[in-house]
């Protein structure tokens, strides 16, 4: 292979790794955000609707 082909190949490879890393970061932080939303807001609210325990609701 000539030098231009190798440069294009490695450039595409680096871009692919960067895109996969970006997708992984987005998935990771989305999971953290959904987990926080569930444990802080939705989880206690659903527990309250099922049991009627007002102490389970967030104090804010």
PDB file of N, CA and C in Angstrom:
ATOM      1  N   UNK A   1       0.843  -1.180   0.000  1.00  0.00           N
ATOM      2  CA  UNK A   1       0.000   0.000   0.000  1.00  0.00           C
ATOM      3  C   UNK A   1       0.889   1.245   0.000  1.00  0.00           C
ATOM      4  N   UNK A   2       0.394   2.244  -0.667  1.00  0.00           N
ATOM      5  CA  UNK A   2       1.161   3.487  -0.664  1.00  0.00           C
ATOM      6  C   UNK A   2       0.823   4.320   0.578  1.00  0.00           C
ATOM      7  N   UNK A   3       1.533   5.419   0.730  1.00  0.00           N
ATOM      8  CA  UNK A   3       1.437   6.211   1.956  1.00  0.00           C
ATOM      9  C   UNK A   3       0.066   6.874   2.120  1.00  0.00           C
ATOM     10  N   UNK A   4      -0.542   7.277   1.001  1.00  0.00           N
ATOM     11  CA  UNK A   4      -1.847   7.928   1.078  1.00  0.00           C
ATOM     12  C   UNK A   4      -2.911   6.944   1.550  1.00  0.00           C
ATOM     13  N   UNK A   5      -2.870   5.724   1.073  1.00  0.00           N
ATOM     14  CA  UNK A   5      -3.838   4.704   1.476  1.00  0.00           C
ATOM     15  C   UNK A   5      -3.708   4.404   2.972  1.00  0.00           C
ATOM     16  N   UNK A   6      -2.464   4.302   3.440  1.00  0.00           N
ATOM     17  CA  UNK A   6      -2.251   4.053   4.859  1.00  0.00           C
ATOM     18  C   UNK A   6      -2.753   5.223   5.706  1.00  0.00           C
ATOM     19  N   UNK A   7      -2.537   6.435   5.255  1.00  0.00           N
ATOM     20  CA  UNK A   7      -2.992   7.611   6.001  1.00  0.00           C
ATOM     21  C   UNK A   7      -4.516   7.624   6.102  1.00  0.00           C
ATOM     22  N   UNK A   8      -5.185   7.315   4.991  1.00  0.00           N
ATOM     23  CA  UNK A   8      -6.653   7.276   4.996  1.00  0.00           C
ATOM     24  C   UNK A   8      -7.138   6.159   5.912  1.00  0.00           C
ATOM     25  N   UNK A   9      -6.518   5.002   5.836  1.00  0.00           N
ATOM     26  CA  UNK A   9      -6.913   3.865   6.668  1.00  0.00           C
ATOM     27  C   UNK A   9      -6.781   4.197   8.151  1.00  0.00           C
ATOM     28  N   UNK A  10      -5.627   4.726   8.548  1.00  0.00           N
ATOM     29  CA  UNK A  10      -5.427   5.041   9.960  1.00  0.00           C
ATOM     30  C   UNK A  10      -6.300   6.209  10.410  1.00  0.00           C
ATOM     31  N   UNK A  11      -6.551   7.147   9.524  1.00  0.00           N
ATOM     32  CA  UNK A  11      -7.455   8.245   9.863  1.00  0.00           C
ATOM     33  C   UNK A  11      -8.862   7.745  10.117  1.00  0.00           C
ATOM     34  N   UNK A  12      -9.340   6.851   9.258  1.00  0.00           N
ATOM     35  CA  UNK A  12     -10.672   6.281   9.453  1.00  0.00           C
ATOM     36  C   UNK A  12     -10.724   5.422  10.715  1.00  0.00           C
ATOM     37  N   UNK A  13      -9.636   4.722  10.990  1.00  0.00           N
ATOM     38  CA  UNK A  13      -9.588   3.893  12.184  1.00  0.00           C
ATOM     39  C   UNK A  13      -9.664   4.764  13.450  1.00  0.00           C
ATOM     40  N   UNK A  14      -8.932   5.858  13.468  1.00  0.00           N
ATOM     41  CA  UNK A  14      -8.964   6.761  14.623  1.00  0.00           C
ATOM     42  C   UNK A  14     -10.349   7.383  14.776  1.00  0.00           C
ATOM     43  N   UNK A  15     -10.957   7.782  13.668  1.00  0.00           N
ATOM     44  CA  UNK A  15     -12.304   8.345  13.731  1.00  0.00           C
ATOM     45  C   UNK A  15     -13.309   7.314  14.234  1.00  0.00           C
ATOM     46  N   UNK A  16     -13.163   6.071  13.810  1.00  0.00           N
ATOM     47  CA  UNK A  16     -14.053   5.015  14.282  1.00  0.00           C
ATOM     48  C   UNK A  16     -13.936   4.796  15.771  1.00  0.00           C
ATOM     49  N   UNK A  17     -12.710   4.769  16.266  1.00  0.00           N
ATOM     50  CA  UNK A  17     -12.496   4.608  17.706  1.00  0.00           C
ATOM     51  C   UNK A  17     -13.087   5.793  18.460  1.00  0.00           C
ATOM     52  N   UNK A  18     -12.925   6.996  17.931  1.00  0.00           N
ATOM     53  CA  UNK A  18     -13.474   8.182  18.586  1.00  0.00           C
ATOM     54  C   UNK A  18     -15.003   8.127  18.629  1.00  0.00           C
ATOM     55  N   UNK A  19     -15.630   7.683  17.560  1.00  0.00           N
ATOM     56  CA  UNK A  19     -17.095   7.595  17.523  1.00  0.00           C
ATOM     57  C   UNK A  19     -17.587   6.534  18.503  1.00  0.00           C
ATOM     58  N   UNK A  20     -16.909   5.404  18.565  1.00  0.00           N
ATOM     59  CA  UNK A  20     -17.309   4.349  19.506  1.00  0.00           C
ATOM     60  C   UNK A  20     -17.150   4.841  20.944  1.00  0.00           C
ATOM     61  N   UNK A  21     -16.070   5.566  21.217  1.00  0.00           N
ATOM     62  CA  UNK A  21     -15.867   6.128  22.552  1.00  0.00           C
ATOM     63  C   UNK A  21     -16.955   7.131  22.885  1.00  0.00           C
ATOM     64  N   UNK A  22     -17.317   7.979  21.935  1.00  0.00           N
ATOM     65  CA  UNK A  22     -18.368   8.967  22.150  1.00  0.00           C
ATOM     66  C   UNK A  22     -19.704   8.294  22.435  1.00  0.00           C
ATOM     67  N   UNK A  23     -20.032   7.260  21.680  1.00  0.00           N
ATOM     68  CA  UNK A  23     -21.282   6.528  21.902  1.00  0.00           C
ATOM     69  C   UNK A  23     -21.268   5.884  23.292  1.00  0.00           C
ATOM     70  N   UNK A  24     -20.124   5.333  23.686  1.00  0.00           N
ATOM     71  CA  UNK A  24     -20.013   4.742  25.008  1.00  0.00           C
ATOM     72  C   UNK A  24     -20.204   5.760  26.119  1.00  0.00           C
ATOM     73  N   UNK A  25     -19.608   6.943  25.961  1.00  0.00           N
ATOM     74  CA  UNK A  25     -19.769   7.997  26.973  1.00  0.00           C
ATOM     75  C   UNK A  25     -21.214   8.466  27.067  1.00  0.00           C
ATOM     76  N   UNK A  26     -21.867   8.615  25.926  1.00  0.00           N
ATOM     77  CA  UNK A  26     -23.272   9.032  25.926  1.00  0.00           C
ATOM     78  C   UNK A  26     -24.133   7.981  26.624  1.00  0.00           C
ATOM     79  N   UNK A  27     -23.898   6.712  26.338  1.00  0.00           N
ATOM     80  CA  UNK A  27     -24.668   5.644  26.976  1.00  0.00           C
ATOM     81  C   UNK A  27     -24.410   5.618  28.480  1.00  0.00           C
ATOM     82  N   UNK A  28     -23.154   5.777  28.879  1.00  0.00           N
ATOM     83  CA  UNK A  28     -22.799   5.735  30.300  1.00  0.00           C
ATOM     84  C   UNK A  28     -23.473   6.868  31.079  1.00  0.00           C
ATOM     85  N   UNK A  29     -23.353   8.091  30.583  1.00  0.00           N
ATOM     86  CA  UNK A  29     -23.927   9.213  31.306  1.00  0.00           C
ATOM     87  C   UNK A  29     -25.458   9.238  31.223  1.00  0.00           C
ATOM     88  N   UNK A  30     -26.025   8.682  30.152  1.00  0.00           N
ATOM     89  CA  UNK A  30     -27.484   8.543  30.087  1.00  0.00           C
ATOM     90  C   UNK A  30     -27.965   7.571  31.150  1.00  0.00           C
ATOM     91  N   UNK A  31     -27.220   6.481  31.328  1.00  0.00           N
ATOM     92  CA  UNK A  31     -27.581   5.512  32.358  1.00  0.00           C
ATOM     93  C   UNK A  31     -27.515   6.144  33.741  1.00  0.00           C
ATOM     94  N   UNK A  32     -26.472   6.931  34.000  1.00  0.00           N
ATOM     95  CA  UNK A  32     -26.355   7.597  35.300  1.00  0.00           C
ATOM     96  C   UNK A  32     -27.519   8.572  35.513  1.00  0.00           C
ATOM     97  N   UNK A  33     -27.866   9.317  34.472  1.00  0.00           N
ATOM     98  CA  UNK A  33     -28.979  10.262  34.578  1.00  0.00           C
ATOM     99  C   UNK A  33     -30.301   9.570  34.816  1.00  0.00           C
ATOM    100  N   UNK A  34     -30.547   8.474  34.104  1.00  0.00           N
ATOM    101  CA  UNK A  34     -31.799   7.734  34.300  1.00  0.00           C
ATOM    102  C   UNK A  34     -31.846   7.093  35.678  1.00  0.00           C
ATOM    103  N   UNK A  35     -30.705   6.604  36.147  1.00  0.00           N
ATOM    104  CA  UNK A  35     -30.655   6.013  37.477  1.00  0.00           C
ATOM    105  C   UNK A  35     -30.963   7.066  38.542  1.00  0.00           C
ATOM    106  N   UNK A  36     -30.373   8.243  38.402  1.00  0.00           N
ATOM    107  CA  UNK A  36     -30.627   9.325  39.362  1.00  0.00           C
ATOM    108  C   UNK A  36     -32.105   9.735  39.324  1.00  0.00           C
ATOM    109  N   UNK A  37     -32.660   9.867  38.116  1.00  0.00           N
ATOM    110  CA  UNK A  37     -34.071  10.228  37.982  1.00  0.00           C
ATOM    111  C   UNK A  37     -34.948   9.185  38.650  1.00  0.00           C
ATOM    112  N   UNK A  38     -34.637   7.912  38.457  1.00  0.00           N
ATOM    113  CA  UNK A  38     -35.449   6.840  39.031  1.00  0.00           C
ATOM    114  C   UNK A  38     -35.369   6.868  40.553  1.00  0.00           C
ATOM    115  N   UNK A  39     -34.160   6.904  41.102  1.00  0.00           N
ATOM    116  CA  UNK A  39     -34.020   6.802  42.548  1.00  0.00           C
ATOM    117  C   UNK A  39     -34.441   8.065  43.278  1.00  0.00           C
ATOM    118  N   UNK A  40     -34.328   9.218  42.633  1.00  0.00           N
ATOM    119  CA  UNK A  40     -34.671  10.466  43.314  1.00  0.00           C
ATOM    120  C   UNK A  40     -36.141  10.853  43.144  1.00  0.00           C
ATOM    121  N   UNK A  41     -36.732  10.540  41.998  1.00  0.00           N
ATOM    122  CA  UNK A  41     -38.081  11.032  41.713  1.00  0.00           C
ATOM    123  C   UNK A  41     -39.106   9.925  41.447  1.00  0.00           C
ATOM    124  N   UNK A  42     -38.868   9.119  40.440  1.00  0.00           N
ATOM    125  CA  UNK A  42     -39.898   8.178  40.006  1.00  0.00           C
ATOM    126  C   UNK A  42     -40.093   7.015  40.969  1.00  0.00           C
ATOM    127  N   UNK A  43     -38.997   6.469  41.478  1.00  0.00           N
ATOM    128  CA  UNK A  43     -39.095   5.327  42.376  1.00  0.00           C
ATOM    129  C   UNK A  43     -39.915   5.624  43.626  1.00  0.00           C
ATOM    130  N   UNK A  44     -39.575   6.683  44.389  1.00  0.00           N
ATOM    131  CA  UNK A  44     -40.373   7.004  45.574  1.00  0.00           C
ATOM    132  C   UNK A  44     -41.832   7.347  45.249  1.00  0.00           C
ATOM    133  N   UNK A  45     -42.047   7.989  44.105  1.00  0.00           N
ATOM    134  CA  UNK A  45     -43.422   8.338  43.739  1.00  0.00           C
ATOM    135  C   UNK A  45     -44.253   7.092  43.471  1.00  0.00           C
ATOM    136  N   UNK A  46     -43.701   6.148  42.749  1.00  0.00           N
ATOM    137  CA  UNK A  46     -44.425   4.903  42.471  1.00  0.00           C
ATOM    138  C   UNK A  46     -44.629   4.121  43.772  1.00  0.00           C
ATOM    139  N   UNK A  47     -43.622   4.112  44.633  1.00  0.00           N
ATOM    140  CA  UNK A  47     -43.762   3.442  45.928  1.00  0.00           C
ATOM    141  C   UNK A  47     -44.880   4.090  46.747  1.00  0.00           C
ATOM    142  N   UNK A  48     -44.959   5.418  46.702  1.00  0.00           N
ATOM    143  CA  UNK A  48     -46.030   6.122  47.420  1.00  0.00           C
ATOM    144  C   UNK A  48     -47.402   5.769  46.845  1.00  0.00           C
ATOM    145  N   UNK A  49     -47.506   5.719  45.531  1.00  0.00           N
ATOM    146  CA  UNK A  49     -48.795   5.397  44.915  1.00  0.00           C
ATOM    147  C   UNK A  49     -49.251   3.985  45.270  1.00  0.00           C
ATOM    148  N   UNK A  50     -48.302   3.063  45.425  1.00  0.00           N
ATOM    149  CA  UNK A  50     -48.656   1.684  45.751  1.00  0.00           C
ATOM    150  C   UNK A  50     -48.980   1.533  47.243  1.00  0.00           C
ATOM    151  N   UNK A  51     -48.147   2.121  48.103  1.00  0.00           N
ATOM    152  CA  UNK A  51     -48.276   1.872  49.544  1.00  0.00           C
ATOM    153  C   UNK A  51     -48.972   2.992  50.306  1.00  0.00           C
ATOM    154  N   UNK A  52     -48.949   4.208  49.793  1.00  0.00           N
ATOM    155  CA  UNK A  52     -49.521   5.328  50.518  1.00  0.00           C
ATOM    156  C   UNK A  52     -48.609   5.883  51.596  1.00  0.00           C
ATOM    157  N   UNK A  53     -47.340   5.477  51.600  1.00  0.00           N
ATOM    158  CA  UNK A  53     -46.380   5.923  52.608  1.00  0.00           C
ATOM    159  C   UNK A  53     -45.795   7.264  52.183  1.00  0.00           C
ATOM    160  N   UNK A  54     -46.265   8.340  52.798  1.00  0.00           N
ATOM    161  CA  UNK A  54     -45.812   9.679  52.402  1.00  0.00           C
ATOM    162  C   UNK A  54     -44.376   9.943  52.823  1.00  0.00           C
ATOM    163  N   UNK A  55     -43.846   9.204  53.774  1.00  0.00           N
ATOM    164  CA  UNK A  55     -42.469   9.385  54.199  1.00  0.00           C
ATOM    165  C   UNK A  55     -41.478   8.960  53.115  1.00  0.00           C
ATOM    166  N   UNK A  56     -41.932   8.174  52.166  1.00  0.00           N
ATOM    167  CA  UNK A  56     -41.046   7.708  51.089  1.00  0.00           C
ATOM    168  C   UNK A  56     -40.794   8.793  50.052  1.00  0.00           C
ATOM    169  N   UNK A  57     -41.613   9.834  50.031  1.00  0.00           N
ATOM    170  CA  UNK A  57     -41.449  10.888  49.038  1.00  0.00           C
ATOM    171  C   UNK A  57     -40.246  11.750  49.385  1.00  0.00           C
ATOM    172  N   UNK A  58     -39.580  12.294  48.363  1.00  0.00           N
ATOM    173  CA  UNK A  58     -38.451  13.198  48.629  1.00  0.00           C
ATOM    174  C   UNK A  58     -38.915  14.424  49.419  1.00  0.00           C
ATOM    175  N   UNK A  59     -38.052  14.936  50.275  1.00  0.00           N
ATOM    176  CA  UNK A  59     -38.453  16.029  51.154  1.00  0.00           C
ATOM    177  C   UNK A  59     -38.407  17.389  50.471  1.00  0.00           C
ATOM    178  N   UNK A  60     -37.850  17.471  49.265  1.00  0.00           N
ATOM    179  CA  UNK A  60     -37.781  18.756  48.565  1.00  0.00           C
ATOM    180  C   UNK A  60     -39.133  19.227  48.150  1.00  0.00           C
TER     181      UNK A  60
END
